[in-house]
Amino acid sequence: MPRLSQFLCPTVLALSFLLTGAQAQDGRKIIGYRTVNKEEAEYINENHKPSTDDDFDDEEGPRQLGEVGYFYTTNTPPGWQGDEDDWYCVVKANSEKIDAAEKVWVPEYYAWGAGSSADPNKMYLWSGDEGLLTEYITSLAKPGGTESPDPATALRFSYIAFWDKQQLQMVIPDALLKDDELDLWAECYETEAKLEEQATETVDWNSWRILGGPGQESEVWPYVQPDNEEDWPYKGPGTDKGEA
């Protein structure tokens, strides 16, 4: 007569494979939300990965956090208010990899220390000037004070400038997207309501280990963003560019 263990062992083994698969999916966590056009949404849903194609980058002029990448996210659903045809996406990453990734706050202003090649006065960092942002990021010391974050791969966080509410944003560098360093997963939905059926949590970026500080909430959103590329870099309120 067959022993009970002969029936149990295959069952337990099968369950262990199922649990392993579930744990692999559970190894990811929500890290942000993104609003995209239909074409980018179709790419994301086909691959369940953020696009690395610059064709989806339709932003004109400098970006607030530099030239490191175009894949901006917010920490609250549904993300940016989109156009009528836009889709709304949730983005996940491997929990261990996102926890280990280098992260930096980019405040609106930064007072440069002695020895900097930049102006010694308080500088405006939200101009999209990659050279200025690189110098700022390399001025930060990682825990232990032995080295600085890599500007090409560090996740960048800030408040959104020129916005009528206080909202955080994170840009994922192209280098991380192309190498899939964070084991990213994404899914897009046709409406805000459909997204919120699947994900409603606000990601607490403030609890993450992010170097530096966010500074004050945006002081510049009431000011007019320059329309022409030649008007950049924007130096912030109180200068000859960007006055209301």
C-alpha atoms as a PDB file:
ATOM      1  CA  MET A   1       0.000   0.000   0.000  1.00  0.00           C
ATOM      2  CA  PRO A   2       1.496   3.386  -0.956  1.00  0.00           C
ATOM      3  CA  ARG A   3       2.552   5.516   1.941  1.00  0.00           C
ATOM      4  CA  LEU A   4       0.970   8.910   2.546  1.00  0.00           C
ATOM      5  CA  SER A   5       4.400  10.500   2.165  1.00  0.00           C
ATOM      6  CA  GLN A   6       4.539   9.282  -1.443  1.00  0.00           C
ATOM      7  CA  PHE A   7       1.499  11.425  -2.228  1.00  0.00           C
ATOM      8  CA  LEU A   8       2.544  14.345  -0.070  1.00  0.00           C
ATOM      9  CA  CYS A   9       6.075  14.789  -1.408  1.00  0.00           C
ATOM     10  CA  PRO A  10       5.104  15.637  -5.015  1.00  0.00           C
ATOM     11  CA  THR A  11       2.366  17.928  -3.712  1.00  0.00           C
ATOM     12  CA  VAL A  12       4.731  19.733  -1.369  1.00  0.00           C
ATOM     13  CA  LEU A  13       7.296  20.011  -4.164  1.00  0.00           C
ATOM     14  CA  ALA A  14       4.729  21.521  -6.535  1.00  0.00           C
ATOM     15  CA  LEU A  15       3.616  23.983  -3.882  1.00  0.00           C
ATOM     16  CA  SER A  16       7.209  25.004  -3.281  1.00  0.00           C
ATOM     17  CA  PHE A  17       7.599  25.896  -6.973  1.00  0.00           C
ATOM     18  CA  LEU A  18       4.388  27.930  -6.861  1.00  0.00           C
ATOM     19  CA  LEU A  19       5.535  29.758  -3.746  1.00  0.00           C
ATOM     20  CA  THR A  20       8.912  30.458  -5.303  1.00  0.00           C
ATOM     21  CA  GLY A  21       7.199  32.015  -8.315  1.00  0.00           C
ATOM     22  CA  ALA A  22       4.946  34.102  -6.101  1.00  0.00           C
ATOM     23  CA  GLN A  23       7.880  35.264  -4.029  1.00  0.00           C
ATOM     24  CA  ALA A  24       9.719  36.278  -7.218  1.00  0.00           C
ATOM     25  CA  GLN A  25       6.793  38.492  -8.205  1.00  0.00           C
ATOM     26  CA  ASP A  26       6.498  39.759  -4.640  1.00  0.00           C
ATOM     27  CA  GLY A  27      10.193  40.634  -4.802  1.00  0.00           C
ATOM     28  CA  ARG A  28       9.135  43.768  -6.667  1.00  0.00           C
ATOM     29  CA  LYS A  29       7.474  46.787  -5.121  1.00  0.00           C
ATOM     30  CA  ILE A  30       5.805  49.884  -6.513  1.00  0.00           C
ATOM     31  CA  ILE A  31       8.298  52.720  -6.910  1.00  0.00           C
ATOM     32  CA  GLY A  32       6.280  55.275  -8.866  1.00  0.00           C
ATOM     33  CA  TYR A  33       3.703  56.224 -11.469  1.00  0.00           C
ATOM     34  CA  ARG A  34       4.013  57.672 -14.962  1.00  0.00           C
ATOM     35  CA  THR A  35       1.657  59.272 -17.490  1.00  0.00           C
ATOM     36  CA  VAL A  36       2.400  58.391 -21.135  1.00  0.00           C
ATOM     37  CA  ASN A  37       0.923  58.648 -24.616  1.00  0.00           C
ATOM     38  CA  LYS A  38      -0.824  55.654 -26.170  1.00  0.00           C
ATOM     39  CA  GLU A  39       2.196  54.614 -28.247  1.00  0.00           C
ATOM     40  CA  GLU A  40       4.467  54.406 -25.212  1.00  0.00           C
ATOM     41  CA  ALA A  41       1.735  52.625 -23.237  1.00  0.00           C
ATOM     42  CA  GLU A  42       1.452  49.954 -25.931  1.00  0.00           C
ATOM     43  CA  TYR A  43       5.217  49.398 -25.839  1.00  0.00           C
ATOM     44  CA  ILE A  44       5.218  49.139 -22.048  1.00  0.00           C
ATOM     45  CA  ASN A  45       2.283  46.726 -21.951  1.00  0.00           C
ATOM     46  CA  GLU A  46       3.825  44.501 -24.616  1.00  0.00           C
ATOM     47  CA  ASN A  47       7.149  44.257 -22.789  1.00  0.00           C
ATOM     48  CA  HIS A  48       6.163  45.071 -19.195  1.00  0.00           C
ATOM     49  CA  LYS A  49       9.277  47.226 -19.147  1.00  0.00           C
ATOM     50  CA  PRO A  50       9.881  50.962 -19.476  1.00  0.00           C
ATOM     51  CA  SER A  51      10.942  51.946 -22.958  1.00  0.00           C
ATOM     52  CA  THR A  52      14.561  52.823 -23.648  1.00  0.00           C
ATOM     53  CA  ASP A  53      13.639  54.403 -26.989  1.00  0.00           C
ATOM     54  CA  ASP A  54      14.363  58.127 -27.160  1.00  0.00           C
ATOM     55  CA  ASP A  55      11.534  58.438 -29.699  1.00  0.00           C
ATOM     56  CA  PHE A  56       9.156  58.499 -26.748  1.00  0.00           C
ATOM     57  CA  ASP A  57      10.970  61.505 -25.320  1.00  0.00           C
ATOM     58  CA  ASP A  58       8.851  64.355 -26.676  1.00  0.00           C
ATOM     59  CA  GLU A  59       9.980  67.001 -24.201  1.00  0.00           C
ATOM     60  CA  GLU A  60      11.286  70.188 -25.778  1.00  0.00           C
ATOM     61  CA  GLY A  61      14.123  72.086 -24.140  1.00  0.00           C
ATOM     62  CA  PRO A  62      16.105  71.188 -21.031  1.00  0.00           C
ATOM     63  CA  ARG A  63      14.598  68.939 -18.398  1.00  0.00           C
ATOM     64  CA  GLN A  64      14.446  70.032 -14.799  1.00  0.00           C
ATOM     65  CA  LEU A  65      16.799  67.320 -13.528  1.00  0.00           C
ATOM     66  CA  GLY A  66      19.271  67.276 -16.388  1.00  0.00           C
ATOM     67  CA  GLU A  67      20.106  65.107 -19.369  1.00  0.00           C
ATOM     68  CA  VAL A  68      20.442  61.821 -17.487  1.00  0.00           C
ATOM     69  CA  GLY A  69      17.094  60.475 -18.689  1.00  0.00           C
ATOM     70  CA  TYR A  70      13.520  61.148 -19.742  1.00  0.00           C
ATOM     71  CA  PHE A  71      11.665  58.526 -17.636  1.00  0.00           C
ATOM     72  CA  TYR A  72      10.122  60.733 -14.950  1.00  0.00           C
ATOM     73  CA  THR A  73       7.728  59.340 -12.358  1.00  0.00           C
ATOM     74  CA  THR A  74       5.690  60.649  -9.444  1.00  0.00           C
ATOM     75  CA  ASN A  75       5.076  58.939  -6.119  1.00  0.00           C
ATOM     76  CA  THR A  76       1.284  59.293  -6.155  1.00  0.00           C
ATOM     77  CA  PRO A  77      -1.260  57.799  -8.553  1.00  0.00           C
ATOM     78  CA  PRO A  78      -2.247  58.624 -11.200  1.00  0.00           C
ATOM     79  CA  GLY A  79       0.862  60.762 -11.661  1.00  0.00           C
ATOM     80  CA  TRP A  80       0.761  63.805 -13.898  1.00  0.00           C
ATOM     81  CA  GLN A  81      -2.624  64.936 -15.163  1.00  0.00           C
ATOM     82  CA  GLY A  82      -2.607  63.741 -18.745  1.00  0.00           C
ATOM     83  CA  ASP A  83      -4.233  64.678 -22.026  1.00  0.00           C
ATOM     84  CA  GLU A  84      -7.428  62.980 -23.151  1.00  0.00           C
ATOM     85  CA  ASP A  85      -5.594  60.151 -24.933  1.00  0.00           C
ATOM     86  CA  ASP A  86      -2.886  59.592 -22.308  1.00  0.00           C
ATOM     87  CA  TRP A  87      -2.488  56.391 -20.311  1.00  0.00           C
ATOM     88  CA  TYR A  88      -1.500  55.927 -16.675  1.00  0.00           C
ATOM     89  CA  CYS A  89       1.203  53.503 -15.574  1.00  0.00           C
ATOM     90  CA  VAL A  90       2.435  51.856 -12.407  1.00  0.00           C
ATOM     91  CA  VAL A  91       6.155  51.062 -12.167  1.00  0.00           C
ATOM     92  CA  LYS A  92       7.705  48.388  -9.951  1.00  0.00           C
ATOM     93  CA  ALA A  93      11.308  47.406  -9.197  1.00  0.00           C
ATOM     94  CA  ASN A  94      13.117  44.615  -7.403  1.00  0.00           C
ATOM     95  CA  SER A  95      12.943  45.575  -3.731  1.00  0.00           C
ATOM     96  CA  GLU A  96      16.556  44.759  -2.913  1.00  0.00           C
ATOM     97  CA  LYS A  97      17.914  46.448  -6.034  1.00  0.00           C
ATOM     98  CA  ILE A  98      15.940  49.650  -5.584  1.00  0.00           C
ATOM     99  CA  ASP A  99      16.935  49.802  -1.917  1.00  0.00           C
ATOM    100  CA  ALA A 100      20.606  49.465  -2.876  1.00  0.00           C
ATOM    101  CA  ALA A 101      20.490  51.964  -5.755  1.00  0.00           C
ATOM    102  CA  GLU A 102      22.166  55.347  -5.293  1.00  0.00           C
ATOM    103  CA  LYS A 103      19.663  58.151  -4.780  1.00  0.00           C
ATOM    104  CA  VAL A 104      20.053  61.924  -4.492  1.00  0.00           C
ATOM    105  CA  TRP A 105      17.776  64.842  -3.732  1.00  0.00           C
ATOM    106  CA  VAL A 106      18.110  67.811  -6.063  1.00  0.00           C
ATOM    107  CA  PRO A 107      16.956  70.910  -4.163  1.00  0.00           C
ATOM    108  CA  GLU A 108      15.918  74.083  -5.929  1.00  0.00           C
ATOM    109  CA  TYR A 109      18.969  75.936  -4.634  1.00  0.00           C
ATOM    110  CA  TYR A 110      22.365  74.835  -3.371  1.00  0.00           C
ATOM    111  CA  ALA A 111      25.008  76.940  -1.624  1.00  0.00           C
ATOM    112  CA  TRP A 112      28.333  75.897  -3.111  1.00  0.00           C
ATOM    113  CA  GLY A 113      31.266  75.431  -0.788  1.00  0.00           C
ATOM    114  CA  ALA A 114      34.779  76.738  -1.157  1.00  0.00           C
ATOM    115  CA  GLY A 115      36.726  75.198  -4.003  1.00  0.00           C
ATOM    116  CA  SER A 116      33.766  74.783  -6.330  1.00  0.00           C
ATOM    117  CA  SER A 117      34.188  75.947  -9.896  1.00  0.00           C
ATOM    118  CA  ALA A 118      30.610  77.214  -9.817  1.00  0.00           C
ATOM    119  CA  ASP A 119      29.538  80.631  -8.646  1.00  0.00           C
ATOM    120  CA  PRO A 120      30.155  80.755  -4.872  1.00  0.00           C
ATOM    121  CA  ASN A 121      26.667  82.129  -4.310  1.00  0.00           C
ATOM    122  CA  LYS A 122      23.522  80.063  -3.974  1.00  0.00           C
ATOM    123  CA  MET A 123      22.903  78.379  -7.337  1.00  0.00           C
ATOM    124  CA  TYR A 124      19.643  77.380  -8.982  1.00  0.00           C
ATOM    125  CA  LEU A 125      19.728  73.631  -9.733  1.00  0.00           C
ATOM    126  CA  TRP A 126      16.443  73.169 -11.583  1.00  0.00           C
ATOM    127  CA  SER A 127      17.688  74.707 -14.813  1.00  0.00           C
ATOM    128  CA  GLY A 128      18.447  71.337 -16.408  1.00  0.00           C
ATOM    129  CA  ASP A 129      22.150  72.219 -16.656  1.00  0.00           C
ATOM    130  CA  GLU A 130      23.773  68.763 -16.547  1.00  0.00           C
ATOM    131  CA  GLY A 131      27.226  70.139 -15.762  1.00  0.00           C
ATOM    132  CA  LEU A 132      25.897  71.985 -12.740  1.00  0.00           C
ATOM    133  CA  LEU A 133      23.920  68.949 -11.569  1.00  0.00           C
ATOM    134  CA  THR A 134      26.925  66.667 -12.013  1.00  0.00           C
ATOM    135  CA  GLU A 135      29.071  68.954  -9.894  1.00  0.00           C
ATOM    136  CA  TYR A 136      26.373  69.105  -7.223  1.00  0.00           C
ATOM    137  CA  ILE A 137      25.899  65.308  -7.116  1.00  0.00           C
ATOM    138  CA  THR A 138      29.628  64.613  -6.919  1.00  0.00           C
ATOM    139  CA  SER A 139      29.844  67.057  -4.017  1.00  0.00           C
ATOM    140  CA  LEU A 140      27.658  64.729  -1.948  1.00  0.00           C
ATOM    141  CA  ALA A 141      29.349  62.069   0.165  1.00  0.00           C
ATOM    142  CA  LYS A 142      27.933  58.578   0.475  1.00  0.00           C
ATOM    143  CA  PRO A 143      27.692  57.053   3.981  1.00  0.00           C
ATOM    144  CA  GLY A 144      31.230  56.749   5.307  1.00  0.00           C
ATOM    145  CA  GLY A 145      32.307  59.798   3.324  1.00  0.00           C
ATOM    146  CA  THR A 146      34.705  57.874   1.075  1.00  0.00           C
ATOM    147  CA  GLU A 147      33.070  58.393  -2.326  1.00  0.00           C
ATOM    148  CA  SER A 148      30.305  60.225  -4.144  1.00  0.00           C
ATOM    149  CA  PRO A 149      27.286  58.926  -6.080  1.00  0.00           C
ATOM    150  CA  ASP A 150      27.637  58.349  -9.809  1.00  0.00           C
ATOM    151  CA  PRO A 151      25.719  61.147 -11.592  1.00  0.00           C
ATOM    152  CA  ALA A 152      25.039  58.839 -14.557  1.00  0.00           C
ATOM    153  CA  THR A 153      23.202  56.193 -12.525  1.00  0.00           C
ATOM    154  CA  ALA A 154      21.934  57.806  -9.317  1.00  0.00           C
ATOM    155  CA  LEU A 155      18.163  58.176  -9.114  1.00  0.00           C
ATOM    156  CA  ARG A 156      17.315  61.886  -8.894  1.00  0.00           C
ATOM    157  CA  PHE A 157      14.457  63.250  -6.779  1.00  0.00           C
ATOM    158  CA  SER A 158      12.988  66.731  -6.437  1.00  0.00           C
ATOM    159  CA  TYR A 159       9.848  68.766  -6.187  1.00  0.00           C
ATOM    160  CA  ILE A 160       8.301  69.552  -9.576  1.00  0.00           C
ATOM    161  CA  ALA A 161       8.948  73.138 -10.619  1.00  0.00           C
ATOM    162  CA  PHE A 162       6.359  75.336 -12.359  1.00  0.00           C
ATOM    163  CA  TRP A 163       3.539  73.279 -10.855  1.00  0.00           C
ATOM    164  CA  ASP A 164       0.371  74.492  -9.186  1.00  0.00           C
ATOM    165  CA  LYS A 165       0.683  71.972  -6.366  1.00  0.00           C
ATOM    166  CA  GLN A 166       3.539  70.485  -4.381  1.00  0.00           C
ATOM    167  CA  GLN A 167       4.459  67.182  -6.018  1.00  0.00           C
ATOM    168  CA  LEU A 168       7.595  65.050  -5.905  1.00  0.00           C
ATOM    169  CA  GLN A 169       9.211  63.447  -8.931  1.00  0.00           C
ATOM    170  CA  MET A 170      11.921  60.867  -9.614  1.00  0.00           C
ATOM    171  CA  VAL A 171      13.855  60.406 -12.842  1.00  0.00           C
ATOM    172  CA  ILE A 172      15.310  56.979 -13.610  1.00  0.00           C
ATOM    173  CA  PRO A 173      18.550  57.391 -15.595  1.00  0.00           C
ATOM    174  CA  ASP A 174      18.721  55.915 -19.093  1.00  0.00           C
ATOM    175  CA  ALA A 175      21.743  53.848 -18.030  1.00  0.00           C
ATOM    176  CA  LEU A 176      19.626  51.940 -15.496  1.00  0.00           C
ATOM    177  CA  LEU A 177      16.803  51.429 -17.993  1.00  0.00           C
ATOM    178  CA  LYS A 178      19.031  50.067 -20.749  1.00  0.00           C
ATOM    179  CA  ASP A 179      20.835  47.621 -18.452  1.00  0.00           C
ATOM    180  CA  ASP A 180      17.634  46.808 -16.514  1.00  0.00           C
ATOM    181  CA  GLU A 181      19.668  47.231 -13.344  1.00  0.00           C
ATOM    182  CA  LEU A 182      16.536  47.505 -11.186  1.00  0.00           C
ATOM    183  CA  ASP A 183      14.579  44.575 -12.703  1.00  0.00           C
ATOM    184  CA  LEU A 184      11.774  46.985 -13.557  1.00  0.00           C
ATOM    185  CA  TRP A 185       8.194  46.015 -14.390  1.00  0.00           C
ATOM    186  CA  ALA A 186       5.454  48.338 -15.612  1.00  0.00           C
ATOM    187  CA  GLU A 187       1.829  48.228 -16.720  1.00  0.00           C
ATOM    188  CA  CYS A 188      -0.297  51.023 -18.188  1.00  0.00           C
ATOM    189  CA  TYR A 189      -4.043  51.600 -18.017  1.00  0.00           C
ATOM    190  CA  GLU A 190      -6.312  53.594 -20.292  1.00  0.00           C
ATOM    191  CA  THR A 191      -7.851  55.715 -17.546  1.00  0.00           C
ATOM    192  CA  GLU A 192      -6.970  56.983 -14.085  1.00  0.00           C
ATOM    193  CA  ALA A 193      -9.834  54.921 -12.661  1.00  0.00           C
ATOM    194  CA  LYS A 194      -8.493  51.678 -14.161  1.00  0.00           C
ATOM    195  CA  LEU A 195      -5.044  52.369 -12.731  1.00  0.00           C
ATOM    196  CA  GLU A 196      -6.490  53.043  -9.298  1.00  0.00           C
ATOM    197  CA  GLU A 197      -8.314  49.700  -9.411  1.00  0.00           C
ATOM    198  CA  GLN A 198      -4.844  48.112  -9.410  1.00  0.00           C
ATOM    199  CA  ALA A 199      -2.701  50.538  -7.401  1.00  0.00           C
ATOM    200  CA  THR A 200      -3.620  53.314  -4.989  1.00  0.00           C
ATOM    201  CA  GLU A 201      -0.663  53.559  -2.643  1.00  0.00           C
ATOM    202  CA  THR A 202       1.484  56.643  -2.321  1.00  0.00           C
ATOM    203  CA  VAL A 203       5.157  55.658  -2.392  1.00  0.00           C
ATOM    204  CA  ASP A 204       6.891  57.097   0.661  1.00  0.00           C
ATOM    205  CA  TRP A 205      10.068  58.334  -0.989  1.00  0.00           C
ATOM    206  CA  ASN A 206      10.849  60.362   2.119  1.00  0.00           C
ATOM    207  CA  SER A 207      11.484  57.080   3.952  1.00  0.00           C
ATOM    208  CA  TRP A 208      14.115  55.993   1.391  1.00  0.00           C
ATOM    209  CA  ARG A 209      17.835  56.478   1.956  1.00  0.00           C
ATOM    210  CA  ILE A 210      18.336  59.485  -0.316  1.00  0.00           C
ATOM    211  CA  LEU A 211      21.455  61.631  -0.069  1.00  0.00           C
ATOM    212  CA  GLY A 212      21.066  65.346   0.489  1.00  0.00           C
ATOM    213  CA  GLY A 213      17.729  66.984   1.126  1.00  0.00           C
ATOM    214  CA  PRO A 214      14.775  68.133  -0.984  1.00  0.00           C
ATOM    215  CA  GLY A 215      14.995  71.707   0.220  1.00  0.00           C
ATOM    216  CA  GLN A 216      11.862  73.764   0.480  1.00  0.00           C
ATOM    217  CA  GLU A 217       8.828  73.008  -1.610  1.00  0.00           C
ATOM    218  CA  SER A 218       8.921  74.719  -4.980  1.00  0.00           C
ATOM    219  CA  GLU A 219       9.061  78.487  -4.752  1.00  0.00           C
ATOM    220  CA  VAL A 220       9.015  78.937  -8.509  1.00  0.00           C
ATOM    221  CA  TRP A 221       5.766  77.517  -9.805  1.00  0.00           C
ATOM    222  CA  PRO A 222       4.028  80.937  -9.993  1.00  0.00           C
ATOM    223  CA  TYR A 223       6.800  82.121 -12.327  1.00  0.00           C
ATOM    224  CA  VAL A 224       6.643  81.743 -16.080  1.00  0.00           C
ATOM    225  CA  GLN A 225       8.687  78.906 -17.555  1.00  0.00           C
ATOM    226  CA  PRO A 226      10.758  80.161 -20.532  1.00  0.00           C
ATOM    227  CA  ASP A 227       9.113  79.310 -23.852  1.00  0.00           C
ATOM    228  CA  ASN A 228      12.270  79.457 -25.930  1.00  0.00           C
ATOM    229  CA  GLU A 229      15.324  77.251 -25.584  1.00  0.00           C
ATOM    230  CA  GLU A 230      17.607  80.298 -25.839  1.00  0.00           C
ATOM    231  CA  ASP A 231      16.081  81.629 -22.614  1.00  0.00           C
ATOM    232  CA  TRP A 232      17.628  78.734 -20.688  1.00  0.00           C
ATOM    233  CA  PRO A 233      19.285  78.037 -18.343  1.00  0.00           C
ATOM    234  CA  TYR A 234      16.630  79.499 -16.122  1.00  0.00           C
ATOM    235  CA  LYS A 235      18.257  81.036 -13.048  1.00  0.00           C
ATOM    236  CA  GLY A 236      15.204  81.276 -10.836  1.00  0.00           C
ATOM    237  CA  PRO A 237      13.158  84.190  -9.526  1.00  0.00           C
ATOM    238  CA  GLY A 238      14.887  87.490  -8.925  1.00  0.00           C
ATOM    239  CA  THR A 239      17.025  87.370 -12.075  1.00  0.00           C
ATOM    240  CA  ASP A 240      16.543  88.839 -15.526  1.00  0.00           C
ATOM    241  CA  LYS A 241      15.093  85.518 -16.711  1.00  0.00           C
ATOM    242  CA  GLY A 242      12.013  83.921 -15.234  1.00  0.00           C
ATOM    243  CA  GLU A 243      10.435  87.020 -13.717  1.00  0.00           C
ATOM    244  CA  ALA A 244       6.649  86.903 -13.601  1.00  0.00           C
END
